[in-house]
Amino acid sequence: MLKGFKDFLLKGNVLDLAVAVVVGAAFTAIVTSFTTNIINPLIAAFGGANEMGFGFQITDSPETFVNVGAVITAAINFVIIAAVVYFILIVPYNHAKERFMTKEEKEATDIELLTEIRDLIADRRLSRD
């Protein structure tokens, strides 16, 4: 299941991306609130006495503060949204698609996959020569 999650993140399938946009927009408020009110204070605690949080200042000007905590929070925010989209929508969709696919459709899918594999192997052999 985690391999499928990794493939989802790296694949870029149009359906997966459309679903991610819709559900991501719906969950953004919840996840942002969670990261802002729970994760941010935890990350800022690593900043020690720095009142601006976890990061560093390049010069004496406050505008040059590099907020590492905000970047970490954004990454956590993304992973949470991607996980929710994948495990709540994509996994059940793929399961339902497999379950209701006719035998002919499954065979056609297998043939397409085998053809793709054959073509990839042939391309690899040609590129090595």
N, C-alpha and C. Protein backbone atom coordinates (compact mmCIF):
# COMPACT_ATOMS: atom_id res chain seq x y z
N MET A 1 0.83 -1.20 0.00
CA MET A 1 0.00 0.00 0.00
C MET A 1 0.88 1.26 0.00
N LEU A 2 1.99 1.24 0.74
CA LEU A 2 2.87 2.41 0.75
C LEU A 2 3.58 2.58 -0.58
N LYS A 3 3.84 1.46 -1.29
CA LYS A 3 4.43 1.56 -2.62
C LYS A 3 3.45 2.27 -3.55
N GLY A 4 2.16 1.94 -3.42
CA GLY A 4 1.14 2.62 -4.21
C GLY A 4 1.09 4.10 -3.89
N PHE A 5 1.26 4.46 -2.63
CA PHE A 5 1.28 5.87 -2.22
C PHE A 5 2.47 6.58 -2.86
N LYS A 6 3.64 5.93 -2.86
CA LYS A 6 4.83 6.51 -3.49
C LYS A 6 4.59 6.69 -4.99
N ASP A 7 4.03 5.66 -5.64
CA ASP A 7 3.74 5.76 -7.08
C ASP A 7 2.76 6.89 -7.36
N PHE A 8 1.76 7.05 -6.50
CA PHE A 8 0.79 8.14 -6.64
C PHE A 8 1.47 9.49 -6.61
N LEU A 9 2.40 9.67 -5.67
CA LEU A 9 3.08 10.95 -5.57
C LEU A 9 3.98 11.24 -6.77
N LEU A 10 4.58 10.20 -7.33
CA LEU A 10 5.55 10.39 -8.40
C LEU A 10 4.97 10.22 -9.80
N LYS A 11 3.79 9.66 -9.92
CA LYS A 11 3.23 9.28 -11.21
C LYS A 11 2.69 10.45 -12.02
N GLY A 12 1.84 11.27 -11.45
CA GLY A 12 1.29 12.41 -12.18
C GLY A 12 0.11 12.06 -13.05
N ASN A 13 -0.65 11.04 -12.71
CA ASN A 13 -1.83 10.65 -13.46
C ASN A 13 -2.88 11.76 -13.38
N VAL A 14 -3.55 12.03 -14.50
CA VAL A 14 -4.51 13.14 -14.56
C VAL A 14 -5.65 12.96 -13.57
N LEU A 15 -6.19 11.77 -13.47
CA LEU A 15 -7.28 11.52 -12.52
C LEU A 15 -6.81 11.72 -11.09
N ASP A 16 -5.65 11.19 -10.78
CA ASP A 16 -5.10 11.33 -9.45
C ASP A 16 -4.89 12.81 -9.10
N LEU A 17 -4.39 13.56 -10.06
CA LEU A 17 -4.15 14.98 -9.82
C LEU A 17 -5.45 15.76 -9.65
N ALA A 18 -6.46 15.42 -10.45
CA ALA A 18 -7.75 16.11 -10.33
C ALA A 18 -8.37 15.85 -8.95
N VAL A 19 -8.33 14.61 -8.54
CA VAL A 19 -8.86 14.26 -7.22
C VAL A 19 -8.06 14.96 -6.13
N ALA A 20 -6.76 15.00 -6.28
CA ALA A 20 -5.91 15.64 -5.28
C ALA A 20 -6.23 17.13 -5.16
N VAL A 21 -6.51 17.78 -6.26
CA VAL A 21 -6.84 19.21 -6.22
C VAL A 21 -8.15 19.43 -5.47
N VAL A 22 -9.16 18.65 -5.80
CA VAL A 22 -10.48 18.84 -5.18
C VAL A 22 -10.43 18.53 -3.69
N VAL A 23 -9.91 17.38 -3.35
CA VAL A 23 -9.90 16.98 -1.94
C VAL A 23 -8.87 17.80 -1.17
N GLY A 24 -7.76 18.13 -1.81
CA GLY A 24 -6.76 18.97 -1.16
C GLY A 24 -7.33 20.31 -0.77
N ALA A 25 -8.13 20.88 -1.66
CA ALA A 25 -8.77 22.16 -1.35
C ALA A 25 -9.74 22.01 -0.18
N ALA A 26 -10.45 20.90 -0.13
CA ALA A 26 -11.41 20.68 0.94
C ALA A 26 -10.73 20.48 2.30
N PHE A 27 -9.59 19.82 2.30
CA PHE A 27 -8.90 19.52 3.55
C PHE A 27 -7.89 20.59 3.96
N THR A 28 -7.64 21.55 3.10
CA THR A 28 -6.62 22.55 3.39
C THR A 28 -6.87 23.29 4.69
N ALA A 29 -8.10 23.71 4.92
CA ALA A 29 -8.40 24.46 6.15
C ALA A 29 -8.13 23.62 7.40
N ILE A 30 -8.53 22.36 7.37
CA ILE A 30 -8.33 21.50 8.53
C ILE A 30 -6.84 21.24 8.77
N VAL A 31 -6.14 20.88 7.71
CA VAL A 31 -4.72 20.55 7.85
C VAL A 31 -3.91 21.80 8.20
N THR A 32 -4.24 22.93 7.60
CA THR A 32 -3.53 24.16 7.91
C THR A 32 -3.73 24.55 9.37
N SER A 33 -4.94 24.39 9.86
CA SER A 33 -5.20 24.68 11.27
C SER A 33 -4.39 23.75 12.17
N PHE A 34 -4.34 22.48 11.82
CA PHE A 34 -3.57 21.51 12.60
C PHE A 34 -2.09 21.87 12.62
N THR A 35 -1.54 22.16 11.43
CA THR A 35 -0.11 22.46 11.37
C THR A 35 0.21 23.80 12.02
N THR A 36 -0.67 24.78 11.86
CA THR A 36 -0.43 26.10 12.44
C THR A 36 -0.52 26.08 13.96
N ASN A 37 -1.51 25.37 14.49
CA ASN A 37 -1.76 25.42 15.92
C ASN A 37 -1.09 24.32 16.73
N ILE A 38 -0.65 23.25 16.09
CA ILE A 38 -0.02 22.16 16.83
C ILE A 38 1.43 21.95 16.39
N ILE A 39 1.65 21.82 15.08
CA ILE A 39 3.00 21.54 14.59
C ILE A 39 3.91 22.76 14.72
N ASN A 40 3.43 23.94 14.32
CA ASN A 40 4.26 25.16 14.40
C ASN A 40 4.81 25.40 15.80
N PRO A 41 4.01 25.34 16.86
CA PRO A 41 4.58 25.55 18.20
C PRO A 41 5.63 24.50 18.57
N LEU A 42 5.42 23.26 18.12
CA LEU A 42 6.41 22.22 18.41
C LEU A 42 7.73 22.50 17.69
N ILE A 43 7.65 22.90 16.43
CA ILE A 43 8.86 23.23 15.66
C ILE A 43 9.52 24.48 16.22
N ALA A 44 8.71 25.48 16.58
CA ALA A 44 9.26 26.73 17.13
C ALA A 44 9.99 26.48 18.44
N ALA A 45 9.58 25.45 19.17
CA ALA A 45 10.25 25.12 20.42
C ALA A 45 11.72 24.78 20.18
N PHE A 46 12.04 24.24 18.99
CA PHE A 46 13.43 23.93 18.66
C PHE A 46 14.22 25.19 18.37
N GLY A 47 13.52 26.30 18.14
CA GLY A 47 14.19 27.58 17.90
C GLY A 47 14.76 28.18 19.16
N GLY A 48 14.46 27.60 20.29
CA GLY A 48 14.99 28.07 21.57
C GLY A 48 14.43 29.43 21.93
N ALA A 49 15.30 30.37 22.29
CA ALA A 49 14.88 31.70 22.73
C ALA A 49 14.54 32.61 21.57
N ASN A 50 14.74 32.17 20.35
CA ASN A 50 14.45 32.99 19.17
C ASN A 50 12.95 33.24 19.10
N GLU A 51 12.54 34.50 19.19
CA GLU A 51 11.11 34.84 19.20
C GLU A 51 10.45 34.60 17.85
N MET A 52 11.23 34.51 16.77
CA MET A 52 10.65 34.31 15.44
C MET A 52 10.45 32.84 15.11
N GLY A 53 10.95 31.95 15.93
CA GLY A 53 10.75 30.53 15.68
C GLY A 53 12.02 29.84 15.24
N PHE A 54 11.85 28.69 14.60
CA PHE A 54 12.97 27.86 14.19
C PHE A 54 13.50 28.36 12.86
N GLY A 55 14.69 28.95 12.87
CA GLY A 55 15.31 29.49 11.67
C GLY A 55 16.53 30.29 12.04
N PHE A 56 16.99 31.09 11.10
CA PHE A 56 18.16 31.92 11.36
C PHE A 56 18.04 33.24 10.60
N GLN A 57 18.74 34.23 11.10
CA GLN A 57 18.69 35.57 10.53
C GLN A 57 20.01 35.83 9.81
N ILE A 58 19.92 36.33 8.57
CA ILE A 58 21.12 36.56 7.77
C ILE A 58 21.83 37.85 8.18
N THR A 59 21.06 38.93 8.34
CA THR A 59 21.63 40.20 8.78
C THR A 59 20.84 40.69 9.99
N ASP A 60 21.10 41.91 10.42
CA ASP A 60 20.40 42.47 11.58
C ASP A 60 18.93 42.80 11.27
N SER A 61 18.58 42.88 10.02
CA SER A 61 17.22 43.23 9.63
C SER A 61 16.27 42.04 9.83
N PRO A 62 15.10 42.26 10.45
CA PRO A 62 14.14 41.16 10.64
C PRO A 62 13.63 40.57 9.33
N GLU A 63 13.71 41.34 8.24
CA GLU A 63 13.24 40.84 6.95
C GLU A 63 14.12 39.74 6.38
N THR A 64 15.30 39.56 6.93
CA THR A 64 16.22 38.54 6.41
C THR A 64 16.16 37.25 7.23
N PHE A 65 15.12 37.08 8.02
CA PHE A 65 14.96 35.85 8.81
C PHE A 65 14.54 34.71 7.89
N VAL A 66 15.29 33.64 7.87
CA VAL A 66 14.97 32.44 7.09
C VAL A 66 14.20 31.51 8.02
N ASN A 67 12.91 31.37 7.76
CA ASN A 67 12.02 30.61 8.63
C ASN A 67 11.99 29.14 8.20
N VAL A 68 12.89 28.35 8.75
CA VAL A 68 12.98 26.94 8.44
C VAL A 68 11.73 26.21 8.95
N GLY A 69 11.20 26.64 10.07
CA GLY A 69 10.01 26.02 10.64
C GLY A 69 8.82 26.10 9.70
N ALA A 70 8.67 27.21 8.99
CA ALA A 70 7.55 27.35 8.05
C ALA A 70 7.68 26.37 6.89
N VAL A 71 8.90 26.14 6.44
CA VAL A 71 9.13 25.20 5.34
C VAL A 71 8.82 23.77 5.80
N ILE A 72 9.26 23.42 7.00
CA ILE A 72 8.97 22.09 7.55
C ILE A 72 7.46 21.92 7.72
N THR A 73 6.79 22.94 8.20
CA THR A 73 5.34 22.89 8.38
C THR A 73 4.63 22.70 7.04
N ALA A 74 5.07 23.41 6.02
CA ALA A 74 4.47 23.26 4.68
C ALA A 74 4.66 21.85 4.15
N ALA A 75 5.84 21.27 4.38
CA ALA A 75 6.09 19.90 3.94
C ALA A 75 5.18 18.91 4.67
N ILE A 76 5.02 19.08 5.97
CA ILE A 76 4.12 18.22 6.75
C ILE A 76 2.69 18.39 6.26
N ASN A 77 2.30 19.62 5.98
CA ASN A 77 0.96 19.93 5.46
C ASN A 77 0.73 19.17 4.16
N PHE A 78 1.70 19.21 3.24
CA PHE A 78 1.59 18.52 1.96
C PHE A 78 1.45 17.02 2.14
N VAL A 79 2.29 16.43 2.98
CA VAL A 79 2.25 14.98 3.19
C VAL A 79 0.92 14.54 3.78
N ILE A 80 0.39 15.31 4.71
CA ILE A 80 -0.91 14.97 5.31
C ILE A 80 -2.01 15.00 4.26
N ILE A 81 -2.05 16.06 3.45
CA ILE A 81 -3.08 16.17 2.41
C ILE A 81 -2.93 15.06 1.38
N ALA A 82 -1.70 14.79 0.95
CA ALA A 82 -1.48 13.72 -0.03
C ALA A 82 -1.89 12.36 0.53
N ALA A 83 -1.60 12.10 1.79
CA ALA A 83 -1.97 10.83 2.41
C ALA A 83 -3.48 10.69 2.50
N VAL A 84 -4.16 11.77 2.89
CA VAL A 84 -5.63 11.72 2.98
C VAL A 84 -6.23 11.45 1.61
N VAL A 85 -5.77 12.14 0.59
CA VAL A 85 -6.29 11.94 -0.76
C VAL A 85 -6.04 10.51 -1.20
N TYR A 86 -4.83 10.02 -0.98
CA TYR A 86 -4.50 8.68 -1.44
C TYR A 86 -5.30 7.60 -0.72
N PHE A 87 -5.28 7.63 0.62
CA PHE A 87 -5.89 6.55 1.37
C PHE A 87 -7.41 6.62 1.44
N ILE A 88 -7.99 7.80 1.30
CA ILE A 88 -9.45 7.93 1.38
C ILE A 88 -10.11 7.82 0.01
N LEU A 89 -9.42 8.27 -1.05
CA LEU A 89 -10.05 8.26 -2.37
C LEU A 89 -9.39 7.32 -3.38
N ILE A 90 -8.11 7.38 -3.53
CA ILE A 90 -7.45 6.63 -4.59
C ILE A 90 -7.47 5.13 -4.33
N VAL A 91 -7.12 4.71 -3.12
CA VAL A 91 -7.11 3.27 -2.82
C VAL A 91 -8.51 2.65 -3.01
N PRO A 92 -9.58 3.24 -2.45
CA PRO A 92 -10.90 2.66 -2.69
C PRO A 92 -11.31 2.71 -4.18
N TYR A 93 -10.94 3.78 -4.88
CA TYR A 93 -11.27 3.88 -6.31
C TYR A 93 -10.58 2.77 -7.09
N ASN A 94 -9.29 2.55 -6.85
CA ASN A 94 -8.57 1.48 -7.55
C ASN A 94 -9.13 0.12 -7.21
N HIS A 95 -9.51 -0.08 -5.95
CA HIS A 95 -10.10 -1.35 -5.54
C HIS A 95 -11.44 -1.58 -6.24
N ALA A 96 -12.27 -0.55 -6.29
CA ALA A 96 -13.58 -0.66 -6.96
C ALA A 96 -13.39 -0.89 -8.46
N LYS A 97 -12.43 -0.21 -9.04
CA LYS A 97 -12.17 -0.37 -10.47
C LYS A 97 -11.77 -1.81 -10.78
N GLU A 98 -10.90 -2.38 -9.97
CA GLU A 98 -10.47 -3.78 -10.15
C GLU A 98 -11.65 -4.73 -9.96
N ARG A 99 -12.46 -4.44 -8.97
CA ARG A 99 -13.57 -5.35 -8.63
C ARG A 99 -14.63 -5.39 -9.73
N PHE A 100 -14.92 -4.24 -10.32
CA PHE A 100 -16.01 -4.18 -11.28
C PHE A 100 -15.54 -4.25 -12.73
N MET A 101 -14.24 -4.42 -12.95
CA MET A 101 -13.71 -4.53 -14.29
C MET A 101 -14.07 -5.91 -14.86
N THR A 102 -14.52 -5.93 -16.12
CA THR A 102 -14.86 -7.20 -16.75
C THR A 102 -13.60 -7.99 -17.05
N LYS A 103 -13.77 -9.28 -17.33
CA LYS A 103 -12.63 -10.15 -17.61
C LYS A 103 -11.89 -9.68 -18.86
N GLU A 104 -12.64 -9.23 -19.87
CA GLU A 104 -12.02 -8.74 -21.10
C GLU A 104 -11.18 -7.49 -20.84
N GLU A 105 -11.70 -6.59 -19.99
CA GLU A 105 -10.96 -5.38 -19.66
C GLU A 105 -9.68 -5.71 -18.90
N LYS A 106 -9.75 -6.69 -17.99
CA LYS A 106 -8.56 -7.10 -17.25
C LYS A 106 -7.52 -7.69 -18.18
N GLU A 107 -7.96 -8.52 -19.11
CA GLU A 107 -7.03 -9.12 -20.07
C GLU A 107 -6.40 -8.04 -20.95
N ALA A 108 -7.21 -7.08 -21.39
CA ALA A 108 -6.69 -5.99 -22.22
C ALA A 108 -5.66 -5.18 -21.43
N THR A 109 -5.94 -4.94 -20.17
CA THR A 109 -5.00 -4.20 -19.32
C THR A 109 -3.70 -4.97 -19.18
N ASP A 110 -3.79 -6.29 -18.98
CA ASP A 110 -2.59 -7.12 -18.86
C ASP A 110 -1.77 -7.08 -20.14
N ILE A 111 -2.44 -7.15 -21.28
CA ILE A 111 -1.74 -7.11 -22.56
C ILE A 111 -1.05 -5.76 -22.75
N GLU A 112 -1.73 -4.68 -22.39
CA GLU A 112 -1.12 -3.34 -22.49
C GLU A 112 0.11 -3.24 -21.61
N LEU A 113 0.02 -3.75 -20.39
CA LEU A 113 1.16 -3.70 -19.48
C LEU A 113 2.33 -4.53 -19.99
N LEU A 114 2.04 -5.71 -20.49
CA LEU A 114 3.10 -6.55 -21.02
C LEU A 114 3.75 -5.91 -22.25
N THR A 115 2.95 -5.25 -23.07
CA THR A 115 3.49 -4.55 -24.23
C THR A 115 4.40 -3.40 -23.80
N GLU A 116 3.97 -2.65 -22.80
CA GLU A 116 4.81 -1.56 -22.28
C GLU A 116 6.13 -2.09 -21.73
N ILE A 117 6.06 -3.18 -20.97
CA ILE A 117 7.28 -3.78 -20.41
C ILE A 117 8.22 -4.21 -21.52
N ARG A 118 7.66 -4.87 -22.55
CA ARG A 118 8.48 -5.31 -23.69
C ARG A 118 9.15 -4.12 -24.36
N ASP A 119 8.39 -3.04 -24.56
CA ASP A 119 8.95 -1.86 -25.22
C ASP A 119 10.05 -1.21 -24.38
N LEU A 120 9.85 -1.15 -23.06
CA LEU A 120 10.87 -0.58 -22.18
C LEU A 120 12.16 -1.40 -22.20
N ILE A 121 12.01 -2.72 -22.20
CA ILE A 121 13.20 -3.58 -22.25
C ILE A 121 13.91 -3.40 -23.58
N ALA A 122 13.16 -3.32 -24.67
CA ALA A 122 13.77 -3.12 -25.99
C ALA A 122 14.49 -1.78 -26.05
N ASP A 123 13.89 -0.74 -25.50
CA ASP A 123 14.53 0.58 -25.49
C ASP A 123 15.83 0.56 -24.70
N ARG A 124 15.81 -0.14 -23.58
CA ARG A 124 17.02 -0.24 -22.74
C ARG A 124 18.15 -0.95 -23.49
N ARG A 125 17.79 -2.02 -24.19
CA ARG A 125 18.80 -2.75 -24.94
C ARG A 125 19.38 -1.88 -26.05
N LEU A 126 18.53 -1.11 -26.71
CA LEU A 126 19.01 -0.25 -27.79
C LEU A 126 19.91 0.85 -27.27
N SER A 127 19.58 1.40 -26.08
CA SER A 127 20.38 2.49 -25.53
C SER A 127 21.74 1.99 -25.03
N ARG A 128 21.84 0.73 -24.68
CA ARG A 128 23.13 0.17 -24.24
C ARG A 128 24.06 -0.12 -25.41
N ASP A 129 23.49 -0.40 -26.56
CA ASP A 129 24.32 -0.74 -27.74
C ASP A 129 24.95 0.44 -28.39
